[in-house]
Protein backbone atom coordinates (compact mmCIF):
# COMPACT_ATOMS: atom_id res chain seq x y z
CA UNK A 1 42.46 -53.41 3.91
CA UNK A 2 41.17 -50.07 4.71
CA UNK A 3 44.73 -48.41 4.24
CA UNK A 4 44.97 -50.13 0.99
CA UNK A 5 41.63 -48.61 -0.17
CA UNK A 6 42.42 -45.29 1.11
CA UNK A 7 45.93 -45.54 -0.69
CA UNK A 8 44.06 -46.61 -4.20
CA UNK A 9 41.73 -43.73 -3.91
CA UNK A 10 44.51 -41.16 -3.30
CA UNK A 11 46.22 -42.53 -6.10
CA UNK A 12 43.13 -42.24 -8.25
CA UNK A 13 42.70 -38.79 -6.93
CA UNK A 14 45.85 -37.74 -7.88
CA UNK A 15 45.50 -39.25 -11.41
CA UNK A 16 42.39 -37.40 -11.88
CA UNK A 17 43.54 -33.97 -10.68
CA UNK A 18 43.32 -31.40 -13.29
CA UNK A 19 46.91 -29.92 -14.49
CA UNK A 20 49.53 -29.87 -17.09
CA UNK A 21 51.82 -32.87 -17.65
CA UNK A 22 55.44 -31.67 -17.47
CA UNK A 23 57.50 -31.28 -20.44
CA UNK A 24 60.82 -33.55 -20.87
CA UNK A 25 63.54 -31.72 -18.93
CA UNK A 26 65.24 -28.83 -20.74
CA UNK A 27 62.44 -28.86 -23.58
CA UNK A 28 60.28 -26.11 -24.78
CA UNK A 29 56.88 -26.42 -25.86
CA UNK A 30 57.53 -24.44 -29.28
CA UNK A 31 60.16 -27.00 -30.02
CA UNK A 32 59.04 -28.68 -33.34
CA UNK A 33 59.12 -32.26 -31.97
CA UNK A 34 57.38 -31.18 -28.73
CA UNK A 35 54.69 -28.95 -30.22
CA UNK A 36 53.67 -31.61 -32.96
CA UNK A 37 53.93 -34.36 -30.27
CA UNK A 38 51.63 -32.78 -27.73
CA UNK A 39 49.69 -31.20 -30.71
CA UNK A 40 50.57 -27.84 -29.68
CA UNK A 41 50.34 -28.51 -25.95
CA UNK A 42 46.79 -30.11 -25.95
CA UNK A 43 48.62 -33.45 -24.67
CA UNK A 44 49.72 -31.67 -21.50
CA UNK A 45 46.34 -31.18 -20.14
CA UNK A 46 45.16 -33.83 -17.65
CA UNK A 47 43.22 -35.69 -17.09
CA UNK A 48 42.37 -37.20 -20.31
CA UNK A 49 44.91 -36.05 -22.71
CA UNK A 50 44.07 -38.41 -25.53
CA UNK A 51 40.53 -36.72 -25.33
CA UNK A 52 41.70 -33.11 -25.38
CA UNK A 53 44.02 -34.00 -28.33
CA UNK A 54 41.50 -35.40 -30.17
CA UNK A 55 39.23 -32.29 -29.55
CA UNK A 56 41.87 -30.17 -30.61
CA UNK A 57 42.61 -31.99 -33.85
CA UNK A 58 38.79 -31.90 -34.64
CA UNK A 59 38.65 -28.26 -35.89
CA UNK A 60 42.03 -28.46 -37.87
CA UNK A 61 40.64 -31.72 -39.63
CA UNK A 62 37.45 -30.20 -40.57
CA UNK A 63 39.14 -27.02 -42.09
CA UNK A 64 41.57 -29.34 -44.08
CA UNK A 65 38.54 -31.39 -45.27
CA UNK A 66 36.34 -27.86 -45.93
CA UNK A 67 39.30 -26.51 -48.10
CA UNK A 68 40.81 -29.56 -49.76
CA UNK A 69 38.10 -32.28 -49.70
CA UNK A 70 38.49 -35.91 -48.40
CA UNK A 71 41.52 -36.56 -50.50
CA UNK A 72 43.29 -33.41 -49.00
CA UNK A 73 42.39 -34.87 -45.47
CA UNK A 74 43.64 -38.12 -46.37
CA UNK A 75 46.87 -36.76 -47.76
CA UNK A 76 47.27 -34.75 -44.52
CA UNK A 77 46.71 -37.75 -42.23
CA UNK A 78 49.50 -39.58 -44.22
CA UNK A 79 51.76 -36.58 -44.05
CA UNK A 80 50.80 -36.08 -40.23
CA UNK A 81 51.54 -39.93 -39.61
CA UNK A 82 54.95 -39.57 -41.14
CA UNK A 83 56.01 -36.59 -39.26
CA UNK A 84 53.96 -37.68 -36.09
CA UNK A 85 55.98 -40.92 -35.92
CA UNK A 86 59.07 -38.92 -35.97
CA UNK A 87 57.94 -36.32 -33.04
CA UNK A 88 56.51 -39.28 -31.07
CA UNK A 89 59.74 -41.04 -31.24
CA UNK A 90 61.88 -37.98 -30.49
CA UNK A 91 59.50 -36.92 -27.51
CA UNK A 92 59.53 -40.84 -26.09
CA UNK A 93 63.25 -40.68 -26.14
CA UNK A 94 63.37 -37.24 -24.37
CA UNK A 95 60.66 -38.09 -21.62
CA UNK A 96 62.04 -41.51 -21.04
CA UNK A 97 58.48 -43.23 -21.83
CA UNK A 98 57.99 -44.54 -25.22
CA UNK A 99 54.19 -43.48 -25.23
CA UNK A 100 54.11 -40.78 -23.07
CA UNK A 101 50.72 -39.53 -22.24
CA UNK A 102 51.41 -36.19 -23.41
CA UNK A 103 52.03 -37.60 -27.13
CA UNK A 104 48.56 -36.87 -28.92
CA UNK A 105 49.66 -36.41 -32.60
CA UNK A 106 48.49 -39.98 -32.92
CA UNK A 107 44.94 -38.79 -31.95
CA UNK A 108 44.88 -36.46 -34.82
CA UNK A 109 45.70 -38.90 -37.30
CA UNK A 110 43.36 -41.63 -35.97
CA UNK A 111 40.36 -38.95 -35.76
CA UNK A 112 41.38 -37.70 -39.36
CA UNK A 113 41.18 -41.37 -40.64
CA UNK A 114 37.82 -41.96 -38.76
CA UNK A 115 36.53 -38.94 -40.25
CA UNK A 116 37.08 -39.51 -44.01
CA UNK A 117 33.59 -40.55 -44.61
CA UNK A 118 32.09 -37.78 -42.91
CA UNK A 119 33.10 -35.31 -45.53
CA UNK A 120 31.32 -31.98 -44.38
CA UNK A 121 28.67 -33.37 -42.18
CA UNK A 122 29.08 -31.83 -38.79
CA UNK A 123 27.10 -34.84 -37.26
CA UNK A 124 29.35 -37.53 -38.86
CA UNK A 125 32.11 -35.61 -37.48
CA UNK A 126 30.95 -35.86 -34.25
CA UNK A 127 30.32 -39.74 -34.60
CA UNK A 128 33.96 -39.83 -35.84
CA UNK A 129 35.07 -38.24 -32.55
CA UNK A 130 32.93 -40.74 -30.55
CA UNK A 131 33.70 -43.88 -32.32
CA UNK A 132 37.34 -43.00 -32.44
CA UNK A 133 37.57 -42.26 -28.66
CA UNK A 134 35.64 -45.67 -28.29
CA UNK A 135 38.14 -47.63 -30.32
CA UNK A 136 41.18 -45.78 -28.89
CA UNK A 137 40.21 -46.67 -25.26
CA UNK A 138 39.06 -50.07 -25.97
CA UNK A 139 41.89 -50.94 -28.42
CA UNK A 140 40.53 -54.01 -30.37
CA UNK A 141 43.09 -56.20 -31.97
CA UNK A 142 45.34 -55.29 -33.87
CA UNK A 143 45.44 -52.00 -32.08
CA UNK A 144 46.24 -53.75 -28.82
CA UNK A 145 49.13 -55.44 -30.33
CA UNK A 146 50.71 -52.20 -30.94
CA UNK A 147 49.70 -50.65 -27.63
CA UNK A 148 51.57 -53.70 -25.83
CA UNK A 149 54.56 -53.72 -27.98
CA UNK A 150 55.68 -50.05 -27.68
CA UNK A 151 58.82 -50.08 -29.45
CA UNK A 152 58.82 -46.53 -30.82
CA UNK A 153 56.74 -43.79 -32.25
CA UNK A 154 55.39 -46.02 -35.09
CA UNK A 155 53.64 -48.15 -32.57
CA UNK A 156 52.47 -45.30 -30.41
CA UNK A 157 50.88 -44.10 -34.04
CA UNK A 158 49.70 -47.53 -35.27
CA UNK A 159 47.37 -48.20 -32.31
CA UNK A 160 45.66 -45.01 -33.06
CA UNK A 161 45.67 -45.50 -36.76
CA UNK A 162 43.91 -48.93 -36.39
CA UNK A 163 41.29 -47.39 -33.84
CA UNK A 164 40.64 -44.54 -36.58
CA UNK A 165 40.10 -47.49 -39.23
CA UNK A 166 37.57 -49.12 -37.04
CA UNK A 167 36.04 -45.80 -36.50
CA UNK A 168 36.07 -45.01 -40.08
CA UNK A 169 33.94 -48.14 -40.83
CA UNK A 170 31.44 -47.25 -38.19
CA UNK A 171 31.08 -43.83 -39.52
CA UNK A 172 30.79 -45.11 -43.17
CA UNK A 173 28.14 -47.31 -42.03
CA UNK A 174 26.23 -44.28 -40.63
CA UNK A 175 27.03 -42.09 -43.76
CA UNK A 176 25.55 -45.07 -45.82
CA UNK A 177 22.60 -45.57 -43.78
CA UNK A 178 22.11 -41.80 -44.05
CA UNK A 179 22.40 -41.77 -47.83
CA UNK A 180 19.94 -44.61 -47.95
CA UNK A 181 17.41 -42.98 -45.87
CA UNK A 182 17.27 -39.99 -47.94
C-alpha cells in the first residue's frame, strides 16, 4: 500500500512539474496550425495549460473589444472558432491525441464568449475569466458530452464554447446587477 501511495505521489509530482509540453514530432511552433492551436505556445506551458491559454487570450480579446466593441469580439470569436477547429483537428492528428493538452485555442474562444457582456469593464472581464475557468473545469452538460466524445477539433472546441456560454450567463447576471445598483 505504501508503494502504491509513493507511485501515485510520484506521478502527481511529474504532472505538476513546470515545463513545456513537446510539439508533435517534426513540427515548429510557428507553423500556422501549431501556433494557432497552442495560442502562440501558451498551451505548451505546464501545469495548467488551459489557464495559461485563457490568460494569453484575455488581453487579445480585451483589445479586440476595445477597438471594435462587443460585435467585433463576437465576430472574432466566431472566426476563431472556425479556424481554431481546423487547427485543433490538425494538431490532434499530428500529436496523436484528439484533445492534446497543448491545444488552447478553444480557451480563447470560450473566454471571448464569456466576456461579451463585460464590454470594457475590467472587473467583469475578471469575472469572465474566473467563471469560464470554473465551467471549463467542471464541464456541466452538454460540455461534458463533447469532452467525452472527442472525435475531432469540433468536439475540442465545443466543450469550451459551452463553458463560455455558461460563463456568459454568469457575467451577464453580474453586469445586470451592476446596472441595477447604479
